[in-house]
N, C-alpha and C. Protein backbone atom coordinates (compact mmCIF):
# COMPACT_ATOMS: atom_id res chain seq x y z
N MET A 1 16.40 12.60 14.74
CA MET A 1 15.30 11.52 14.94
C MET A 1 14.16 11.76 14.00
N GLY A 2 13.80 13.07 13.57
CA GLY A 2 12.76 13.34 12.64
C GLY A 2 12.81 12.51 11.46
N LYS A 3 13.85 12.40 10.70
CA LYS A 3 13.86 11.84 9.39
C LYS A 3 13.46 10.35 9.47
N MET A 4 13.85 9.62 10.51
CA MET A 4 13.61 8.25 10.68
C MET A 4 12.21 8.06 10.86
N ASN A 5 11.68 8.82 11.76
CA ASN A 5 10.11 8.88 12.10
C ASN A 5 9.39 9.11 10.64
N LYS A 6 9.78 9.98 9.93
CA LYS A 6 9.15 10.18 8.66
C LYS A 6 9.04 9.13 7.75
N LYS A 7 10.30 8.43 7.63
CA LYS A 7 10.50 7.40 6.83
C LYS A 7 9.63 6.17 7.31
N ARG A 8 9.47 5.94 8.62
CA ARG A 8 8.67 4.70 9.25
C ARG A 8 7.19 5.09 8.84
N GLU A 9 6.81 6.31 9.11
CA GLU A 9 5.48 6.77 8.81
C GLU A 9 5.18 6.52 7.37
N ARG A 10 6.15 6.73 6.41
CA ARG A 10 5.80 6.51 4.92
C ARG A 10 5.75 4.96 4.65
N LEU A 11 6.50 4.28 5.28
CA LEU A 11 6.42 2.61 5.14
C LEU A 11 5.16 2.33 5.62
N GLU A 12 4.62 2.85 6.52
CA GLU A 12 3.31 2.57 7.29
C GLU A 12 2.09 2.76 6.40
N VAL A 13 2.30 3.95 5.65
CA VAL A 13 1.25 4.42 4.83
C VAL A 13 1.23 3.44 3.73
N ILE A 14 2.39 2.99 3.18
CA ILE A 14 2.45 1.91 2.14
C ILE A 14 1.87 0.78 2.48
N TYR A 15 2.12 0.32 3.56
CA TYR A 15 1.67 -0.95 4.19
C TYR A 15 0.19 -1.00 4.21
N ASP A 16 -0.40 0.19 4.89
CA ASP A 16 -1.65 0.35 4.90
C ASP A 16 -2.41 0.33 3.54
N PHE A 17 -1.87 0.97 2.57
CA PHE A 17 -2.34 1.02 1.23
C PHE A 17 -2.50 -0.45 0.68
N LEU A 18 -1.44 -1.06 0.86
CA LEU A 18 -1.48 -2.44 0.09
C LEU A 18 -2.21 -3.45 0.92
N LYS A 19 -2.42 -3.16 2.20
CA LYS A 19 -3.29 -4.04 3.10
C LYS A 19 -4.64 -3.87 2.78
N ILE A 20 -5.16 -2.80 2.38
CA ILE A 20 -6.65 -2.46 1.99
C ILE A 20 -6.81 -3.23 0.77
N ILE A 21 -5.97 -3.30 -0.31
CA ILE A 21 -6.08 -4.07 -1.49
C ILE A 21 -6.15 -5.51 -1.08
N GLN A 22 -5.26 -6.00 -0.31
CA GLN A 22 -5.09 -7.58 0.10
C GLN A 22 -6.51 -7.79 0.78
N ASP A 23 -6.90 -7.05 1.73
CA ASP A 23 -8.16 -7.33 2.47
C ASP A 23 -9.41 -7.37 1.62
N ASN A 24 -9.34 -6.77 0.48
CA ASN A 24 -10.42 -6.64 -0.25
C ASN A 24 -10.43 -7.66 -1.52
N HIS A 25 -9.93 -8.78 -1.20
CA HIS A 25 -9.69 -10.00 -2.11
C HIS A 25 -8.83 -9.67 -3.18
N ASN A 26 -7.77 -8.87 -2.98
CA ASN A 26 -6.84 -8.35 -3.85
C ASN A 26 -7.40 -7.79 -5.26
N SER A 27 -8.52 -7.00 -5.02
CA SER A 27 -8.93 -6.37 -6.15
C SER A 27 -10.06 -5.17 -5.82
N ILE A 28 -9.61 -3.95 -6.01
CA ILE A 28 -10.38 -2.86 -5.33
C ILE A 28 -10.40 -1.77 -6.51
N LYS A 29 -11.46 -0.99 -6.65
CA LYS A 29 -11.49 0.10 -7.49
C LYS A 29 -10.78 1.29 -6.78
N PRO A 30 -10.42 2.48 -7.64
CA PRO A 30 -9.66 3.34 -7.17
C PRO A 30 -10.33 4.24 -5.96
N THR A 31 -11.79 4.56 -6.31
CA THR A 31 -12.38 5.40 -5.20
C THR A 31 -12.62 4.63 -3.92
N PRO A 32 -13.01 3.54 -3.75
CA PRO A 32 -13.01 2.94 -2.46
C PRO A 32 -11.65 2.86 -1.91
N LEU A 33 -10.44 2.65 -2.76
CA LEU A 33 -9.36 2.65 -2.17
C LEU A 33 -8.81 3.90 -1.50
N LEU A 34 -9.17 5.05 -2.31
CA LEU A 34 -8.99 6.36 -1.81
C LEU A 34 -9.76 6.60 -0.33
N ARG A 35 -10.97 6.25 -0.53
CA ARG A 35 -11.77 6.35 0.72
C ARG A 35 -11.21 5.73 1.83
N LYS A 36 -10.82 4.40 1.69
CA LYS A 36 -10.46 3.61 2.83
C LYS A 36 -8.91 4.04 3.36
N SER A 37 -8.29 4.76 2.41
CA SER A 37 -6.76 5.08 2.67
C SER A 37 -6.71 6.15 3.74
N ASN A 38 -7.60 6.93 3.79
CA ASN A 38 -7.67 7.96 4.78
C ASN A 38 -6.56 9.12 4.29
N LEU A 39 -6.12 9.00 2.92
CA LEU A 39 -5.34 10.04 2.46
C LEU A 39 -5.99 11.17 1.67
N SER A 40 -5.23 12.34 1.63
CA SER A 40 -5.90 13.42 0.82
C SER A 40 -5.64 12.87 -0.58
N SER A 41 -6.51 13.43 -1.51
CA SER A 41 -6.29 12.97 -3.00
C SER A 41 -5.01 13.25 -3.31
N GLN A 42 -4.38 14.45 -2.85
CA GLN A 42 -3.02 14.80 -3.50
C GLN A 42 -2.09 13.48 -3.06
N SER A 43 -2.09 13.27 -1.66
CA SER A 43 -1.14 12.14 -1.06
C SER A 43 -1.38 10.93 -1.90
N PHE A 44 -2.72 10.47 -2.02
CA PHE A 44 -3.16 9.36 -2.44
C PHE A 44 -2.51 9.22 -4.01
N SER A 45 -2.47 10.20 -4.65
CA SER A 45 -1.93 10.06 -6.11
C SER A 45 -0.65 10.06 -6.13
N GLU A 46 0.06 10.64 -5.13
CA GLU A 46 1.61 10.35 -5.04
C GLU A 46 1.87 9.22 -4.77
N TYR A 47 1.36 8.59 -3.80
CA TYR A 47 1.53 7.13 -3.41
C TYR A 47 1.14 6.08 -4.48
N PHE A 48 0.06 6.44 -5.02
CA PHE A 48 -0.54 5.55 -6.12
C PHE A 48 0.50 5.41 -7.21
N GLU A 49 0.81 6.53 -7.72
CA GLU A 49 2.03 6.63 -8.88
C GLU A 49 3.20 5.83 -8.53
N GLU A 50 3.75 6.20 -7.20
CA GLU A 50 4.92 5.67 -6.83
C GLU A 50 4.81 3.98 -6.68
N LEU A 51 3.92 3.70 -6.00
CA LEU A 51 3.59 2.18 -6.01
C LEU A 51 3.52 1.55 -7.38
N LEU A 52 2.87 2.07 -8.35
CA LEU A 52 2.70 1.68 -9.76
C LEU A 52 4.15 1.56 -10.54
N SER A 53 4.88 2.60 -10.22
CA SER A 53 6.09 2.70 -10.91
C SER A 53 7.03 1.62 -10.26
N LYS A 54 6.97 1.53 -9.00
CA LYS A 54 7.69 0.45 -8.24
C LYS A 54 7.08 -1.07 -8.37
N GLU A 55 6.04 -1.03 -9.10
CA GLU A 55 5.46 -2.30 -9.30
C GLU A 55 5.13 -3.10 -8.25
N LEU A 56 4.58 -2.49 -7.15
CA LEU A 56 4.01 -3.07 -6.01
C LEU A 56 2.60 -3.21 -6.11
N ILE A 57 1.90 -2.54 -6.97
CA ILE A 57 0.47 -2.55 -7.45
C ILE A 57 0.42 -2.57 -8.99
N LYS A 58 -0.69 -2.95 -9.51
CA LYS A 58 -0.93 -2.96 -10.85
C LYS A 58 -2.52 -2.67 -11.14
N GLU A 59 -2.68 -1.80 -12.33
CA GLU A 59 -4.13 -1.48 -12.77
C GLU A 59 -4.64 -2.49 -13.62
N MET A 60 -5.72 -3.07 -13.51
CA MET A 60 -6.31 -4.14 -14.36
C MET A 60 -7.64 -3.62 -14.91
N LYS A 61 -8.15 -4.16 -16.06
CA LYS A 61 -9.61 -3.80 -16.42
C LYS A 61 -10.32 -5.00 -16.44
N ASN A 62 -11.66 -5.04 -16.05
CA ASN A 62 -12.58 -6.15 -15.78
C ASN A 62 -13.12 -6.30 -17.12
N GLY A 63 -14.08 -7.11 -17.30
CA GLY A 63 -14.71 -7.31 -18.65
C GLY A 63 -15.35 -6.14 -18.97
N LYS A 64 -15.97 -5.32 -18.28
CA LYS A 64 -16.60 -4.00 -18.56
C LYS A 64 -15.75 -2.81 -18.70
N GLY A 65 -14.57 -3.19 -18.72
CA GLY A 65 -13.70 -2.01 -18.92
C GLY A 65 -13.39 -1.17 -17.67
N ARG A 66 -13.78 -1.59 -16.68
CA ARG A 66 -13.77 -0.95 -15.27
C ARG A 66 -12.37 -1.00 -14.70
N LYS A 67 -11.74 0.14 -14.19
CA LYS A 67 -10.39 -0.17 -13.68
C LYS A 67 -10.50 -0.92 -12.32
N TYR A 68 -9.55 -1.70 -11.93
CA TYR A 68 -9.56 -2.03 -10.57
C TYR A 68 -7.88 -2.25 -10.32
N ILE A 69 -7.58 -2.32 -8.90
CA ILE A 69 -6.13 -2.34 -8.53
C ILE A 69 -5.83 -3.70 -7.85
N THR A 70 -4.74 -4.35 -8.16
CA THR A 70 -4.42 -5.56 -7.31
C THR A 70 -2.90 -5.40 -7.14
N LEU A 71 -2.34 -6.29 -6.11
CA LEU A 71 -1.16 -6.41 -5.59
C LEU A 71 -0.32 -7.19 -6.58
N THR A 72 1.04 -6.96 -6.90
CA THR A 72 1.86 -7.58 -7.53
C THR A 72 2.34 -8.62 -6.48
N ASP A 73 3.24 -9.65 -7.05
CA ASP A 73 4.04 -10.54 -6.16
C ASP A 73 4.85 -9.67 -5.06
N LYS A 74 5.46 -8.39 -5.82
CA LYS A 74 6.35 -7.73 -4.94
C LYS A 74 5.49 -6.92 -3.96
N GLY A 75 4.29 -6.60 -4.24
CA GLY A 75 3.39 -5.88 -3.26
C GLY A 75 3.22 -6.95 -2.12
N PHE A 76 2.91 -8.30 -2.45
CA PHE A 76 2.50 -9.20 -1.40
C PHE A 76 3.97 -9.45 -0.50
N ARG A 77 4.98 -9.42 -1.06
CA ARG A 77 6.20 -9.62 -0.50
C ARG A 77 6.48 -8.40 0.50
N TYR A 78 6.12 -7.19 0.10
CA TYR A 78 6.29 -6.10 0.99
C TYR A 78 5.53 -6.13 2.19
N LEU A 79 4.30 -6.71 2.17
CA LEU A 79 3.36 -7.04 3.22
C LEU A 79 3.94 -8.00 4.31
N GLU A 80 4.45 -9.19 3.72
CA GLU A 80 5.30 -10.05 4.62
C GLU A 80 6.44 -9.49 5.20
N LYS A 81 7.35 -8.73 4.62
CA LYS A 81 8.37 -8.27 5.05
C LYS A 81 8.06 -7.18 6.14
N TYR A 82 7.13 -6.58 5.93
CA TYR A 82 6.73 -5.44 6.86
C TYR A 82 6.18 -5.81 8.21
N LYS A 83 5.55 -7.06 8.10
CA LYS A 83 5.13 -7.77 9.46
C LYS A 83 6.34 -8.33 10.24
N TYR A 84 7.51 -8.66 9.34
CA TYR A 84 8.56 -9.06 10.05
C TYR A 84 9.39 -7.78 10.62
N ILE A 85 9.37 -6.77 9.95
CA ILE A 85 10.03 -5.41 10.59
C ILE A 85 9.30 -4.99 11.79
N LEU A 86 7.99 -5.09 11.66
CA LEU A 86 7.35 -4.70 13.01
C LEU A 86 7.59 -5.51 14.18
N GLY A 87 7.71 -6.84 13.78
CA GLY A 87 7.98 -7.80 14.88
C GLY A 87 9.47 -7.53 15.58
N PHE A 88 10.31 -7.17 14.56
CA PHE A 88 11.62 -6.76 14.85
C PHE A 88 11.59 -5.54 15.92
N ILE A 89 10.80 -4.52 15.44
CA ILE A 89 10.86 -3.29 16.30
C ILE A 89 10.19 -3.46 17.63
N ASP A 90 9.18 -4.46 17.58
CA ASP A 90 8.58 -4.85 18.97
C ASP A 90 9.55 -5.38 19.87
N GLU A 91 10.12 -6.37 19.21
CA GLU A 91 11.05 -7.39 20.09
C GLU A 91 12.40 -6.50 20.84
N PHE A 92 12.73 -5.50 20.08
CA PHE A 92 13.84 -4.74 20.61
C PHE A 92 13.38 -3.49 21.18
N GLU A 93 12.07 -3.19 21.19
CA GLU A 93 11.37 -2.05 21.81
C GLU A 93 11.92 -0.78 21.39
N LEU A 94 12.09 -0.70 19.78
CA LEU A 94 12.64 0.42 19.25
C LEU A 94 11.54 1.54 18.90
């Protein structure tokens, strides 16, 4: 049972991570994202790198050369699908 739980936890962390960006008008700087994510900076970096490499998020620069993070279309799709999965879990009381 442990493995499934771990996986679900991971999916949840990814969901929370992406949701923070979405709720912030799809544009947030790395530091506030780290603060709001409640992850250790180590975990944060790991998730951040993974989500970048899987193209769920991307780093942009504004006119002043400051970095900010936005969701990709794939990131938005993840959020939609995740809600569907949660509904499924609730419906079948899993």
